[in-house]
Amino acid sequence: MSRSVEMTDSANALAMAEVGDTVFSDLNNLTPKSYYRNLATDVGNQISVTKTRQDNTSGVWKNLSDQRSQVSGVDMNDEAAKMLLFERMFQGMARYMNTVSKALDSLLALAS
């Protein structure tokens, strides 16, 4: 990139390099380098703050869920296991009562 016909100088390249150090009013009176640095820093800070807030919110949610479980005292797995146990006990008792009923019917039939 040269300004001369012979293409022997680097004036255009130097002019382009100087743009990075020029203050522009459209960039809040900052150079493009400073503006980009501020922009990247601001975006990084916003991401960091958002991540921290998300982590804090997740922690609060977990704590509240744990407290709810402690207050209610109900563990779904334990309750399901107990329900299966009670069902088996009920089935066993039904068989026992059926056997007793048949035995009584047989005794009454013999006594008649």
C-alpha atoms as a PDB file:
ATOM      1  CA  MET A   1       0.000   0.000   0.000  1.00  0.00           C
ATOM      2  CA  SER A   2       1.702   3.074  -1.188  1.00  0.00           C
ATOM      3  CA  ARG A   3       0.749   6.646  -1.995  1.00  0.00           C
ATOM      4  CA  SER A   4       3.332   6.973  -4.717  1.00  0.00           C
ATOM      5  CA  VAL A   5       3.141   5.610  -8.225  1.00  0.00           C
ATOM      6  CA  GLU A   6       6.315   3.592  -7.703  1.00  0.00           C
ATOM      7  CA  MET A   7       4.740   1.810  -4.716  1.00  0.00           C
ATOM      8  CA  THR A   8       7.925   2.158  -2.676  1.00  0.00           C
ATOM      9  CA  ASP A   9       6.643   3.782   0.520  1.00  0.00           C
ATOM     10  CA  SER A  10       4.364   2.527   3.304  1.00  0.00           C
ATOM     11  CA  ALA A  11       2.473   5.766   3.921  1.00  0.00           C
ATOM     12  CA  ASN A  12      -0.976   4.155   3.676  1.00  0.00           C
ATOM     13  CA  ALA A  13      -0.047   1.406   6.120  1.00  0.00           C
ATOM     14  CA  LEU A  14       1.262   4.008   8.581  1.00  0.00           C
ATOM     15  CA  ALA A  15      -1.912   6.090   8.177  1.00  0.00           C
ATOM     16  CA  MET A  16      -4.071   3.039   8.912  1.00  0.00           C
ATOM     17  CA  ALA A  17      -1.983   2.237  12.001  1.00  0.00           C
ATOM     18  CA  GLU A  18      -2.441   5.798  13.265  1.00  0.00           C
ATOM     19  CA  VAL A  19      -6.244   5.389  13.149  1.00  0.00           C
ATOM     20  CA  GLY A  20      -5.986   3.078  16.157  1.00  0.00           C
ATOM     21  CA  ASP A  21      -4.476   5.914  18.213  1.00  0.00           C
ATOM     22  CA  THR A  22      -6.858   8.648  17.010  1.00  0.00           C
ATOM     23  CA  VAL A  23      -9.552   9.947  19.367  1.00  0.00           C
ATOM     24  CA  PHE A  24     -13.087   9.880  17.911  1.00  0.00           C
ATOM     25  CA  SER A  25     -16.032  11.796  19.345  1.00  0.00           C
ATOM     26  CA  ASP A  26     -18.424   9.038  18.173  1.00  0.00           C
ATOM     27  CA  LEU A  27     -16.553   6.642  20.481  1.00  0.00           C
ATOM     28  CA  ASN A  28     -17.051   8.852  23.556  1.00  0.00           C
ATOM     29  CA  ASN A  29     -13.735  10.614  22.883  1.00  0.00           C
ATOM     30  CA  LEU A  30     -11.792   7.362  23.002  1.00  0.00           C
ATOM     31  CA  THR A  31      -9.426   5.725  20.580  1.00  0.00           C
ATOM     32  CA  PRO A  32     -10.664   2.564  18.831  1.00  0.00           C
ATOM     33  CA  LYS A  33      -8.204   0.545  20.914  1.00  0.00           C
ATOM     34  CA  SER A  34      -9.486   2.004  24.195  1.00  0.00           C
ATOM     35  CA  TYR A  35     -13.107   1.684  23.124  1.00  0.00           C
ATOM     36  CA  TYR A  36     -12.639  -1.996  22.235  1.00  0.00           C
ATOM     37  CA  ARG A  37     -10.789  -2.660  25.503  1.00  0.00           C
ATOM     38  CA  ASN A  38     -13.606  -0.999  27.504  1.00  0.00           C
ATOM     39  CA  LEU A  39     -16.247  -2.887  25.543  1.00  0.00           C
ATOM     40  CA  ALA A  40     -14.549  -6.256  26.060  1.00  0.00           C
ATOM     41  CA  THR A  41     -14.042  -5.523  29.769  1.00  0.00           C
ATOM     42  CA  ASP A  42     -17.691  -4.500  30.225  1.00  0.00           C
ATOM     43  CA  VAL A  43     -18.972  -7.613  28.463  1.00  0.00           C
ATOM     44  CA  GLY A  44     -16.653  -9.811  30.533  1.00  0.00           C
ATOM     45  CA  ASN A  45     -17.842  -8.175  33.757  1.00  0.00           C
ATOM     46  CA  GLN A  46     -21.501  -8.599  32.780  1.00  0.00           C
ATOM     47  CA  ILE A  47     -20.926 -12.274  32.029  1.00  0.00           C
ATOM     48  CA  SER A  48     -19.152 -12.746  35.352  1.00  0.00           C
ATOM     49  CA  VAL A  49     -21.902 -10.986  37.313  1.00  0.00           C
ATOM     50  CA  THR A  50     -24.615 -12.968  35.516  1.00  0.00           C
ATOM     51  CA  LYS A  51     -22.809 -16.245  36.214  1.00  0.00           C
ATOM     52  CA  THR A  52     -22.431 -15.335  39.896  1.00  0.00           C
ATOM     53  CA  ARG A  53     -26.122 -14.454  40.118  1.00  0.00           C
ATOM     54  CA  GLN A  54     -27.061 -17.719  38.443  1.00  0.00           C
ATOM     55  CA  ASP A  55     -24.877 -19.689  40.860  1.00  0.00           C
ATOM     56  CA  ASN A  56     -26.367 -17.842  43.827  1.00  0.00           C
ATOM     57  CA  THR A  57     -29.908 -18.421  42.569  1.00  0.00           C
ATOM     58  CA  SER A  58     -29.194 -22.125  42.091  1.00  0.00           C
ATOM     59  CA  GLY A  59     -27.810 -22.316  45.627  1.00  0.00           C
ATOM     60  CA  VAL A  60     -30.860 -20.585  47.085  1.00  0.00           C
ATOM     61  CA  TRP A  61     -33.169 -22.903  45.112  1.00  0.00           C
ATOM     62  CA  LYS A  62     -31.339 -25.976  46.411  1.00  0.00           C
ATOM     63  CA  ASN A  63     -31.411 -24.713  50.003  1.00  0.00           C
ATOM     64  CA  LEU A  64     -35.128 -23.971  49.792  1.00  0.00           C
ATOM     65  CA  SER A  65     -35.819 -27.399  48.291  1.00  0.00           C
ATOM     66  CA  ASP A  66     -33.814 -29.060  51.073  1.00  0.00           C
ATOM     67  CA  GLN A  67     -35.655 -27.054  53.729  1.00  0.00           C
ATOM     68  CA  ARG A  68     -39.012 -27.992  52.198  1.00  0.00           C
ATOM     69  CA  SER A  69     -38.053 -31.658  52.278  1.00  0.00           C
ATOM     70  CA  GLN A  70     -36.932 -31.371  55.909  1.00  0.00           C
ATOM     71  CA  VAL A  71     -40.150 -29.628  56.954  1.00  0.00           C
ATOM     72  CA  SER A  72     -42.426 -32.051  55.149  1.00  0.00           C
ATOM     73  CA  GLY A  73     -40.350 -35.034  56.269  1.00  0.00           C
ATOM     74  CA  VAL A  74     -41.477 -36.987  53.226  1.00  0.00           C
ATOM     75  CA  ASP A  75     -39.067 -38.953  51.105  1.00  0.00           C
ATOM     76  CA  MET A  76     -40.857 -40.274  48.052  1.00  0.00           C
ATOM     77  CA  ASN A  77     -38.621 -43.350  47.779  1.00  0.00           C
ATOM     78  CA  ASP A  78     -39.240 -44.339  51.408  1.00  0.00           C
ATOM     79  CA  GLU A  79     -42.972 -43.754  51.049  1.00  0.00           C
ATOM     80  CA  ALA A  80     -43.120 -45.915  47.893  1.00  0.00           C
ATOM     81  CA  ALA A  81     -41.229 -48.722  49.656  1.00  0.00           C
ATOM     82  CA  LYS A  82     -43.590 -48.530  52.644  1.00  0.00           C
ATOM     83  CA  MET A  83     -46.607 -48.587  50.362  1.00  0.00           C
ATOM     84  CA  LEU A  84     -45.345 -51.782  48.697  1.00  0.00           C
ATOM     85  CA  LEU A  85     -44.721 -53.329  52.127  1.00  0.00           C
ATOM     86  CA  PHE A  86     -48.241 -52.465  53.325  1.00  0.00           C
ATOM     87  CA  GLU A  87     -49.721 -53.842  50.120  1.00  0.00           C
ATOM     88  CA  ARG A  88     -47.941 -57.172  50.674  1.00  0.00           C
ATOM     89  CA  MET A  89     -49.088 -57.212  54.297  1.00  0.00           C
ATOM     90  CA  PHE A  90     -52.682 -56.583  53.209  1.00  0.00           C
ATOM     91  CA  GLN A  91     -52.503 -59.384  50.649  1.00  0.00           C
ATOM     92  CA  GLY A  92     -51.089 -61.766  53.268  1.00  0.00           C
ATOM     93  CA  MET A  93     -53.792 -60.829  55.773  1.00  0.00           C
ATOM     94  CA  ALA A  94     -56.486 -61.333  53.124  1.00  0.00           C
ATOM     95  CA  ARG A  95     -55.187 -64.858  52.453  1.00  0.00           C
ATOM     96  CA  TYR A  96     -55.065 -65.585  56.190  1.00  0.00           C
ATOM     97  CA  MET A  97     -58.664 -64.376  56.674  1.00  0.00           C
ATOM     98  CA  ASN A  98     -59.774 -66.441  53.691  1.00  0.00           C
ATOM     99  CA  THR A  99     -58.113 -69.523  55.171  1.00  0.00           C
ATOM    100  CA  VAL A 100     -59.696 -68.909  58.604  1.00  0.00           C
ATOM    101  CA  SER A 101     -63.102 -68.408  56.972  1.00  0.00           C
ATOM    102  CA  LYS A 102     -62.801 -71.690  55.059  1.00  0.00           C
ATOM    103  CA  ALA A 103     -61.667 -73.492  58.215  1.00  0.00           C
ATOM    104  CA  LEU A 104     -64.657 -72.155  60.166  1.00  0.00           C
ATOM    105  CA  ASP A 105     -67.006 -73.134  57.346  1.00  0.00           C
ATOM    106  CA  SER A 106     -65.535 -76.639  57.392  1.00  0.00           C
ATOM    107  CA  LEU A 107     -65.898 -76.892  61.205  1.00  0.00           C
ATOM    108  CA  LEU A 108     -69.494 -75.681  61.061  1.00  0.00           C
ATOM    109  CA  ALA A 109     -70.238 -78.165  58.305  1.00  0.00           C
ATOM    110  CA  LEU A 110     -68.846 -80.998  60.466  1.00  0.00           C
ATOM    111  CA  ALA A 111     -70.812 -79.855  63.509  1.00  0.00           C
ATOM    112  CA  SER A 112     -74.090 -79.847  61.617  1.00  0.00           C
END
